[in-house]
Amino acid sequence: MNADKKKVIAIALITAVALLGDAMLFIVLPVYWQDFGLTSIWQIGLLLSINRFIRLPVNPLVGMFYQRFQLRTGVWIALIIAIITTAGYGLFKEFWLLLLMRILWGVAWSLLRLGGFLTVIEVTTDENRGNYVGLYNGLWGIGGLIGMLAGGLLVDQTSILFVTILFSITGLLALPAVFYFVPISRKEEKDAGDRNKERKKWLNSYVGLILLTGMVMGFIVFGLFSSTLSILIEETYDNNWDIAEITIGAATLAGIIQAIRWGWDPFLAPRIGKIMDSIKTAPKILLVPLFMGGVMFYVFVNVHVMAGLIISLLFFQFLSTIFVTTTDTLAASAASQTDQVKVMTAHTIVVDVGAAMGPLLAFTVIDLYGIKLIYYVSGLLLITLGVTWMVYIRRSHRGTLG
C-alpha cells in the first residue's frame, strides 16, 4: 500500500470513529426523543440540523485553518470534541445542553470532512480520483454502519447512556491513532503555475451546477432520508419482531437498513469511482440516482407491505451510494482544476446547507401535514435536478461538436 493511500485510509477511519454518536442519534432520537428530555417534535428537527447550520460560517474558517496549521492538529481537535459531545448526548437531559453538544459536533465534522477532502485531492490524479473518493467515503461510512446498527439495537436493549459512553470510550481509544497515522506536515507551497491557476475564476456554470447537486444530495441523503427513516418505518411497521429474545423495533430496523449501505460502501463506492475514472461523460452517471431516486420517494409512501418497503429502501440506499460518490468526485475533479480550498469549502457548505434543511423542513412539514407531502416534494426535486443535468449535458455536447 502506498503512502498516499495510507493517508486517505487513516483520516477516513478516524472520521468513522468520531461519527459513531452522530449516526446513532439519527436513528434513536426520532423514536426515543422523550428519553432525551425533549418536550416537542420540533426540537428533534432542530437538534438534527443545528450542527449543519453552524458549519456554514465555520467551514471557511476551517479552510483557512488547514492552510496555516497541521492536518494532525485539526483531526486531533475534532476527535476530542466528538468524544465530549457523544458522552453529552447521554449525560444531558436538557434541550439547550443537547443543542450545545450538536453545535460543537458541527465544528468537529467541519475539521474532519474538509481535511479529508483536501487530502484526497492532494494525493490523487484524474486517473484515480474517483477510486480514492469512493474509498474515503466508504471507509468513514463504517462509523455510520456501527453507529446506526449498534446504536439502534443497543438502545432498544439497554439505555441511551450506556451506548453514548461506550462510543465515547471508543473515541478515546482512537486518539493515539491520530499521532501515529495522520501526517503532521502542512500542505506544500504551490509553484507559480498553481498560484496562477488559483487566480482564475473558480465559479462557473459547471461548478455552480455541481454545488446545486451537492445541496440536493445533502438535503435528501444526509438530511431528510436519514432523519425520517424511523418514522417512515413506524407508519408501516405495526408490530415489533422478537428474534432470539431480541426485540426488533422501528429504531433497530431503521438502523439495519441504514447500516447495510454503510456496510457495502467500502466495497461498492470505490468501484463506482473507478467507473467514473474510466469514462469521459461522468456526469451522465448522476442521471441514474436522480431519476430513479425521485421515483422511489413516491413508492415509499404508497407501499403498505413491510417486505415491499424494505426492498424499496435498500434499492434507494444503492442509489444513494451512486449519488454521493458521483457528486463528491465531480466536485473534487472540478476543484483540482482551480482553487482547491475555495471549491471544496463551497462544496462542503452547500452539502451542509442541504443536510441542515432536510430534518428541519421534514419535521416541520410532518408535524403539520404528515410524511407524504415532504416525500412527494423530495421526489419532484430529484427529478427536476435530473432534467437540469440532461439539458446541461446536451448543451455541452452540442458546444463540443460545434
Protein backbone atom coordinates (compact mmCIF):
# COMPACT_ATOMS: atom_id res chain seq x y z
CA MET A 1 0.00 0.00 0.00
CA ASN A 2 1.47 3.37 -0.99
CA ALA A 3 1.85 6.32 1.38
CA ASP A 4 -0.86 8.40 -0.32
CA LYS A 5 -3.45 5.67 0.12
CA LYS A 6 -2.49 5.29 3.80
CA LYS A 7 -3.24 8.98 4.35
CA VAL A 8 -6.72 8.61 2.89
CA ILE A 9 -7.47 5.44 4.87
CA ALA A 10 -6.20 6.88 8.17
CA ILE A 11 -8.33 10.03 8.00
CA ALA A 12 -11.36 8.03 6.85
CA LEU A 13 -11.19 5.55 9.76
CA ILE A 14 -10.60 8.23 12.39
CA THR A 15 -13.59 10.09 10.96
CA ALA A 16 -15.60 6.87 11.27
CA VAL A 17 -14.89 6.64 15.00
CA ALA A 18 -15.82 10.28 15.52
CA LEU A 19 -19.10 9.73 13.65
CA LEU A 20 -20.48 7.00 15.95
CA GLY A 21 -22.53 9.24 18.24
CA ASP A 22 -23.99 11.35 15.46
CA ALA A 23 -25.04 8.30 13.45
CA MET A 24 -26.70 6.73 16.48
CA LEU A 25 -28.63 9.93 17.17
CA PHE A 26 -30.27 9.96 13.72
CA ILE A 27 -31.80 6.54 14.35
CA VAL A 28 -32.58 6.78 18.06
CA LEU A 29 -33.66 10.40 18.62
CA PRO A 30 -36.83 10.35 16.43
CA VAL A 31 -38.12 7.31 18.37
CA TYR A 32 -36.82 7.95 21.92
CA TRP A 33 -36.98 11.75 21.88
CA GLN A 34 -38.77 11.95 25.24
CA ASP A 35 -35.99 9.91 26.89
CA PHE A 36 -33.56 12.61 25.77
CA GLY A 37 -35.58 15.16 27.75
CA LEU A 38 -37.29 16.73 24.74
CA THR A 39 -40.82 18.08 25.02
CA SER A 40 -41.81 18.71 21.37
CA ILE A 41 -41.24 17.16 17.95
CA TRP A 42 -39.78 20.38 16.51
CA GLN A 43 -36.86 20.00 18.92
CA ILE A 44 -35.89 16.78 17.11
CA GLY A 45 -35.56 18.61 13.83
CA LEU A 46 -33.51 21.42 15.37
CA LEU A 47 -31.11 19.04 17.13
CA LEU A 48 -30.57 17.02 13.97
CA SER A 49 -29.97 20.13 11.85
CA ILE A 50 -28.20 22.72 14.03
CA ASN A 51 -24.82 21.01 13.61
CA ARG A 52 -25.16 21.55 9.86
CA PHE A 53 -26.22 25.18 10.17
CA ILE A 54 -23.27 26.00 12.43
CA ARG A 55 -20.92 24.58 9.82
CA LEU A 56 -21.94 27.27 7.33
CA PRO A 57 -19.87 30.02 8.98
CA VAL A 58 -17.32 27.52 10.34
CA ASN A 59 -16.34 25.85 7.05
CA PRO A 60 -14.49 28.88 5.57
CA LEU A 61 -12.61 29.25 8.86
CA VAL A 62 -11.66 25.58 8.74
CA GLY A 63 -10.35 26.09 5.20
CA MET A 64 -8.08 28.87 6.46
CA PHE A 65 -7.11 26.71 9.45
CA TYR A 66 -5.76 23.95 7.22
CA GLN A 67 -3.76 26.48 5.22
CA ARG A 68 -1.93 27.52 8.39
CA PHE A 69 -1.88 24.54 10.76
CA GLN A 70 -1.03 20.87 10.67
CA LEU A 71 -3.62 18.38 9.49
CA ARG A 72 -2.87 16.30 12.59
CA THR A 73 -3.82 19.22 14.84
CA GLY A 74 -7.21 19.66 13.20
CA VAL A 75 -8.05 15.95 13.34
CA TRP A 76 -6.96 15.69 16.98
CA ILE A 77 -9.15 18.66 17.99
CA ALA A 78 -12.09 17.20 16.08
CA LEU A 79 -11.81 13.78 17.75
CA ILE A 80 -11.63 15.33 21.23
CA ILE A 81 -14.79 17.32 20.52
CA ALA A 82 -16.53 14.21 19.17
CA ILE A 83 -15.74 12.29 22.38
CA ILE A 84 -17.17 15.07 24.56
CA THR A 85 -20.33 15.57 22.51
CA THR A 86 -21.10 11.85 22.23
CA ALA A 87 -20.93 11.48 26.00
CA GLY A 88 -23.07 14.58 26.36
CA TYR A 89 -25.94 13.03 24.39
CA GLY A 90 -26.40 10.51 27.19
CA LEU A 91 -25.44 12.63 30.19
CA PHE A 92 -27.57 15.71 29.50
CA LYS A 93 -31.37 15.77 29.59
CA GLU A 94 -31.80 19.48 28.91
CA PHE A 95 -32.64 20.59 25.38
CA TRP A 96 -30.27 23.57 25.46
CA LEU A 97 -27.33 21.46 26.61
CA LEU A 98 -28.02 18.94 23.87
CA LEU A 99 -28.20 21.84 21.41
CA LEU A 100 -24.74 22.97 22.55
CA MET A 101 -23.38 19.45 22.02
CA ARG A 102 -24.75 19.42 18.48
CA ILE A 103 -23.18 22.81 17.73
CA LEU A 104 -19.78 21.58 18.94
CA TRP A 105 -20.15 18.44 16.84
CA GLY A 106 -20.72 20.65 13.80
CA VAL A 107 -17.30 22.22 14.34
CA ALA A 108 -15.69 18.79 14.69
CA TRP A 109 -17.27 17.50 11.49
CA SER A 110 -16.08 20.55 9.53
CA LEU A 111 -12.50 19.83 10.59
CA LEU A 112 -12.79 16.15 9.69
CA ARG A 113 -14.68 16.45 6.41
CA LEU A 114 -12.73 19.28 4.80
CA GLY A 115 -9.44 17.79 5.97
CA GLY A 116 -10.35 14.51 4.33
CA PHE A 117 -11.42 16.09 1.05
CA LEU A 118 -8.29 18.22 0.76
CA THR A 119 -6.13 15.17 1.45
CA VAL A 120 -7.85 13.17 -1.30
CA ILE A 121 -7.46 15.98 -3.84
CA GLU A 122 -3.78 16.45 -2.99
CA VAL A 123 -2.80 12.80 -3.39
CA THR A 124 -4.89 11.89 -6.47
CA THR A 125 -4.84 12.37 -10.23
CA ASP A 126 -7.57 12.28 -12.87
CA GLU A 127 -6.87 8.56 -13.30
CA ASN A 128 -7.59 7.54 -9.69
CA ARG A 129 -9.54 10.37 -8.06
CA GLY A 130 -12.92 8.66 -8.25
CA ASN A 131 -11.49 5.49 -6.74
CA TYR A 132 -9.95 7.38 -3.80
CA VAL A 133 -13.08 9.47 -3.20
CA GLY A 134 -15.10 6.25 -3.11
CA LEU A 135 -12.57 4.65 -0.75
CA TYR A 136 -12.65 7.66 1.57
CA ASN A 137 -16.46 7.87 1.63
CA GLY A 138 -16.81 4.13 2.04
CA LEU A 139 -14.40 3.83 4.96
CA TRP A 140 -15.67 6.76 7.01
CA GLY A 141 -19.14 5.33 6.43
CA ILE A 142 -18.15 2.43 8.68
CA GLY A 143 -18.82 4.84 11.54
CA GLY A 144 -22.35 5.26 10.24
CA LEU A 145 -22.66 1.49 9.95
CA ILE A 146 -21.70 0.82 13.56
CA GLY A 147 -23.41 3.90 14.97
CA MET A 148 -26.77 3.24 13.34
CA LEU A 149 -26.84 -0.53 13.65
CA ALA A 150 -25.29 -0.91 17.10
CA GLY A 151 -26.89 2.31 18.30
CA GLY A 152 -30.41 1.32 17.31
CA LEU A 153 -30.02 -2.25 18.58
CA LEU A 154 -28.26 -1.46 21.87
CA VAL A 155 -30.58 1.39 22.82
CA ASP A 156 -33.56 -0.93 22.26
CA GLN A 157 -31.93 -3.44 24.65
CA THR A 158 -30.05 -1.24 27.17
CA SER A 159 -30.11 2.54 27.55
CA ILE A 160 -29.08 5.73 25.81
CA LEU A 161 -26.46 6.47 28.47
CA PHE A 162 -24.80 3.06 28.07
CA VAL A 163 -24.46 3.45 24.30
CA THR A 164 -23.14 7.03 24.37
CA ILE A 165 -20.50 6.23 26.99
CA LEU A 166 -19.46 3.13 25.03
CA PHE A 167 -19.00 5.18 21.85
CA SER A 168 -17.08 7.87 23.77
CA ILE A 169 -14.65 5.29 25.14
CA THR A 170 -14.10 4.05 21.59
CA GLY A 171 -13.14 7.58 20.60
CA LEU A 172 -10.64 7.78 23.47
CA LEU A 173 -9.01 4.55 22.31
CA ALA A 174 -8.63 6.03 18.82
CA LEU A 175 -6.71 9.12 19.96
CA PRO A 176 -3.25 7.50 19.68
CA ALA A 177 -4.01 6.66 16.04
CA VAL A 178 -4.08 10.38 15.23
CA PHE A 179 -0.42 10.74 16.22
CA TYR A 180 0.69 7.52 14.53
CA PHE A 181 -1.08 7.76 11.18
CA VAL A 182 -2.21 11.32 10.42
CA PRO A 183 0.56 13.33 8.69
CA ILE A 184 1.94 16.33 10.57
CA SER A 185 3.17 18.38 7.62
CA ARG A 186 1.27 21.28 6.18
CA LYS A 187 0.43 21.30 2.54
CA GLU A 188 3.49 22.12 0.41
CA GLU A 189 3.72 25.58 -1.11
CA LYS A 190 2.31 25.64 -4.61
CA ASP A 191 4.54 26.58 -7.50
CA ALA A 192 3.96 29.64 -9.65
CA GLY A 193 1.80 27.72 -12.11
CA ASP A 194 -0.57 26.60 -9.38
CA ARG A 195 -0.80 30.12 -7.99
CA ASN A 196 -1.80 31.40 -11.42
CA LYS A 197 -4.39 28.61 -11.64
CA GLU A 198 -5.92 29.70 -8.34
CA ARG A 199 -6.31 33.27 -9.58
CA LYS A 200 -8.65 32.09 -12.31
CA LYS A 201 -12.35 32.44 -11.72
CA TRP A 202 -13.39 29.25 -9.94
CA LEU A 203 -17.18 29.64 -10.04
CA ASN A 204 -18.67 28.91 -13.46
CA SER A 205 -21.90 27.28 -14.66
CA TYR A 206 -20.47 23.76 -14.34
CA VAL A 207 -19.18 24.28 -10.80
CA GLY A 208 -22.45 26.02 -9.92
CA LEU A 209 -24.46 23.00 -11.08
CA ILE A 210 -22.19 20.69 -9.08
CA LEU A 211 -22.77 22.84 -5.99
CA LEU A 212 -26.54 22.76 -6.56
CA THR A 213 -26.33 18.98 -6.84
CA GLY A 214 -24.33 18.84 -3.62
CA MET A 215 -27.02 20.82 -1.83
CA VAL A 216 -29.77 18.49 -3.06
CA MET A 217 -27.66 15.47 -2.12
CA GLY A 218 -27.21 16.81 1.40
CA PHE A 219 -30.91 17.60 1.71
CA ILE A 220 -32.09 14.19 0.51
CA VAL A 221 -29.45 11.66 1.61
CA PHE A 222 -27.86 13.15 4.73
CA GLY A 223 -30.83 15.20 5.93
CA LEU A 224 -34.38 14.16 5.11
CA PHE A 225 -33.98 10.43 4.43
CA SER A 226 -31.69 9.71 7.40
CA SER A 227 -33.79 11.63 9.89
CA THR A 228 -37.24 10.41 8.78
CA LEU A 229 -36.48 6.74 8.08
CA SER A 230 -37.54 5.62 11.56
CA ILE A 231 -40.87 7.44 11.23
CA LEU A 232 -41.49 6.05 7.73
CA ILE A 233 -40.92 2.50 9.00
CA GLU A 234 -43.01 3.10 12.12
CA GLU A 235 -46.04 4.04 9.98
CA THR A 236 -45.92 0.68 8.16
CA TYR A 237 -44.38 -1.45 10.92
CA ASP A 238 -47.29 -2.18 13.25
CA ASN A 239 -45.71 -4.81 15.50
CA ASN A 240 -42.21 -5.42 16.84
CA TRP A 241 -40.41 -8.64 15.90
CA ASP A 242 -38.81 -10.82 18.55
CA ILE A 243 -35.80 -12.81 17.32
CA ALA A 244 -33.84 -14.88 19.88
CA GLU A 245 -35.45 -12.80 22.65
CA ILE A 246 -34.19 -9.61 20.99
CA THR A 247 -36.86 -7.03 20.21
CA ILE A 248 -36.61 -5.61 16.69
CA GLY A 249 -38.34 -2.24 16.89
CA ALA A 250 -38.60 0.55 14.34
CA ALA A 251 -35.34 2.11 15.54
CA THR A 252 -33.48 -1.18 15.18
CA LEU A 253 -34.91 -1.87 11.73
CA ALA A 254 -34.09 1.66 10.57
CA GLY A 255 -30.58 1.18 11.92
CA ILE A 256 -30.19 -2.08 10.00
CA ILE A 257 -31.37 -0.53 6.72
CA GLN A 258 -29.06 2.45 7.10
CA ALA A 259 -26.18 0.26 8.23
CA ILE A 260 -26.44 -2.01 5.19
CA ARG A 261 -25.49 0.92 2.99
CA TRP A 262 -22.53 1.84 5.18
CA GLY A 263 -21.55 -1.84 5.08
CA TRP A 264 -21.37 -2.10 1.30
CA ASP A 265 -19.96 1.39 0.69
CA PRO A 266 -16.29 0.42 1.34
CA PHE A 267 -16.61 -2.10 -1.50
CA LEU A 268 -19.17 -0.50 -3.82
CA ALA A 269 -18.17 3.19 -3.69
CA PRO A 270 -14.57 2.66 -4.94
CA ARG A 271 -15.92 0.59 -7.85
CA ILE A 272 -18.32 3.37 -8.80
CA GLY A 273 -15.39 5.78 -8.58
CA LYS A 274 -13.32 3.58 -10.89
CA ILE A 275 -16.13 3.63 -13.45
CA MET A 276 -16.13 7.43 -13.29
CA ASP A 277 -12.35 7.48 -13.77
CA SER A 278 -12.65 5.36 -16.91
CA ILE A 279 -15.37 7.24 -18.81
CA LYS A 280 -15.40 10.70 -20.36
CA THR A 281 -19.02 11.60 -19.62
CA ALA A 282 -19.01 11.05 -15.85
CA PRO A 283 -21.93 13.46 -15.18
CA LYS A 284 -24.27 11.07 -17.02
CA ILE A 285 -23.95 8.65 -14.10
CA LEU A 286 -25.79 11.22 -11.98
CA LEU A 287 -28.95 10.74 -14.02
CA VAL A 288 -29.42 7.25 -12.58
CA PRO A 289 -29.85 8.22 -8.90
CA LEU A 290 -31.66 11.45 -9.74
CA PHE A 291 -34.46 9.98 -11.85
CA MET A 292 -34.76 6.59 -10.16
CA GLY A 293 -34.36 8.11 -6.69
CA GLY A 294 -37.12 10.59 -7.45
CA VAL A 295 -39.48 7.76 -8.33
CA MET A 296 -38.59 5.87 -5.14
CA PHE A 297 -39.87 8.68 -2.92
CA TYR A 298 -43.30 8.21 -4.44
CA VAL A 299 -43.03 4.47 -3.87
CA PHE A 300 -42.05 4.79 -0.18
CA VAL A 301 -45.29 6.41 0.95
CA ASN A 302 -47.53 4.19 -1.17
CA VAL A 303 -46.17 0.77 -0.19
CA HIS A 304 -48.14 -0.74 2.68
CA VAL A 305 -46.45 -4.15 2.83
CA MET A 306 -43.38 -4.24 5.05
CA ALA A 307 -41.37 -6.51 2.76
CA GLY A 308 -42.01 -4.21 -0.19
CA LEU A 309 -40.95 -1.17 1.80
CA ILE A 310 -37.71 -2.82 2.91
CA ILE A 311 -36.81 -3.79 -0.67
CA SER A 312 -37.57 -0.24 -1.85
CA LEU A 313 -35.45 1.28 0.91
CA LEU A 314 -32.48 -0.96 0.15
CA PHE A 315 -32.66 -0.07 -3.54
CA PHE A 316 -32.67 3.62 -2.64
CA GLN A 317 -29.61 3.06 -0.45
CA PHE A 318 -27.83 1.66 -3.51
CA LEU A 319 -28.84 4.77 -5.46
CA SER A 320 -27.59 6.94 -2.59
CA THR A 321 -24.13 5.38 -2.83
CA ILE A 322 -24.01 6.27 -6.53
CA PHE A 323 -25.34 9.78 -5.81
CA VAL A 324 -22.82 10.63 -3.09
CA THR A 325 -19.77 9.11 -4.80
CA THR A 326 -20.54 10.75 -8.14
CA THR A 327 -21.25 14.19 -6.68
CA ASP A 328 -18.16 14.22 -4.45
CA THR A 329 -15.94 13.02 -7.31
CA LEU A 330 -17.25 15.70 -9.67
CA ALA A 331 -16.61 18.34 -7.01
CA ALA A 332 -13.08 17.05 -6.33
CA SER A 333 -12.27 16.93 -10.05
CA ALA A 334 -13.52 20.48 -10.56
CA ALA A 335 -11.52 21.63 -7.53
CA SER A 336 -8.32 20.08 -8.89
CA GLN A 337 -8.54 22.40 -11.90
CA THR A 338 -8.81 25.63 -9.92
CA ASP A 339 -8.70 26.84 -6.29
CA GLN A 340 -8.99 23.60 -4.29
CA VAL A 341 -9.78 25.17 -0.92
CA LYS A 342 -12.45 27.52 -2.29
CA VAL A 343 -14.25 24.88 -4.36
CA MET A 344 -14.21 22.19 -1.67
CA THR A 345 -15.15 24.68 1.03
CA ALA A 346 -18.10 25.76 -1.12
CA HIS A 347 -18.99 22.11 -1.72
CA THR A 348 -18.98 21.25 1.98
CA ILE A 349 -21.01 24.38 2.73
CA VAL A 350 -23.78 23.60 0.23
CA VAL A 351 -23.93 19.96 1.32
CA ASP A 352 -24.28 21.17 4.90
CA VAL A 353 -26.99 23.66 3.92
CA GLY A 354 -28.99 20.87 2.31
CA ALA A 355 -28.37 18.46 5.17
CA ALA A 356 -29.42 21.10 7.69
CA MET A 357 -32.59 21.97 5.81
CA GLY A 358 -33.52 18.29 5.49
CA PRO A 359 -34.57 17.34 9.04
CA LEU A 360 -35.71 20.87 9.94
CA LEU A 361 -38.07 21.15 6.95
CA ALA A 362 -39.08 17.49 7.13
CA PHE A 363 -40.21 17.50 10.76
CA THR A 364 -41.94 20.86 10.34
CA VAL A 365 -43.96 19.56 7.37
CA ILE A 366 -44.57 16.17 9.05
CA ASP A 367 -45.88 17.93 12.15
CA LEU A 368 -48.36 19.93 10.04
CA TYR A 369 -49.26 17.72 7.07
CA GLY A 370 -47.75 14.26 7.56
CA ILE A 371 -44.89 12.47 5.84
CA LYS A 372 -46.42 12.05 2.36
CA LEU A 373 -46.17 15.69 1.31
CA ILE A 374 -42.47 16.09 2.10
CA TYR A 375 -41.66 12.82 0.30
CA TYR A 376 -43.60 13.87 -2.80
CA VAL A 377 -41.76 17.20 -2.88
CA SER A 378 -38.41 15.41 -2.45
CA GLY A 379 -39.13 13.10 -5.37
CA LEU A 380 -40.06 16.04 -7.58
CA LEU A 381 -36.86 17.85 -6.55
CA LEU A 382 -34.65 14.94 -7.64
CA ILE A 383 -36.41 14.55 -10.99
CA THR A 384 -36.19 18.30 -11.67
CA LEU A 385 -32.45 18.26 -10.97
CA GLY A 386 -32.09 15.28 -13.31
CA VAL A 387 -33.78 17.22 -16.11
CA THR A 388 -31.43 20.16 -15.44
CA TRP A 389 -28.38 17.91 -15.81
CA MET A 390 -29.78 16.42 -19.04
CA VAL A 391 -30.14 19.90 -20.52
CA TYR A 392 -26.62 20.86 -19.44
CA ILE A 393 -25.06 17.66 -20.84
CA ARG A 394 -26.83 18.10 -24.20
CA ARG A 395 -25.78 21.75 -24.48
CA SER A 396 -22.19 20.87 -23.58
CA HIS A 397 -22.19 18.09 -26.19
CA ARG A 398 -23.51 20.45 -28.87
CA GLY A 399 -20.89 23.01 -27.89
CA THR A 400 -18.15 20.40 -28.25
CA LEU A 401 -19.43 19.33 -31.66
CA GLY A 402 -19.68 22.93 -32.76
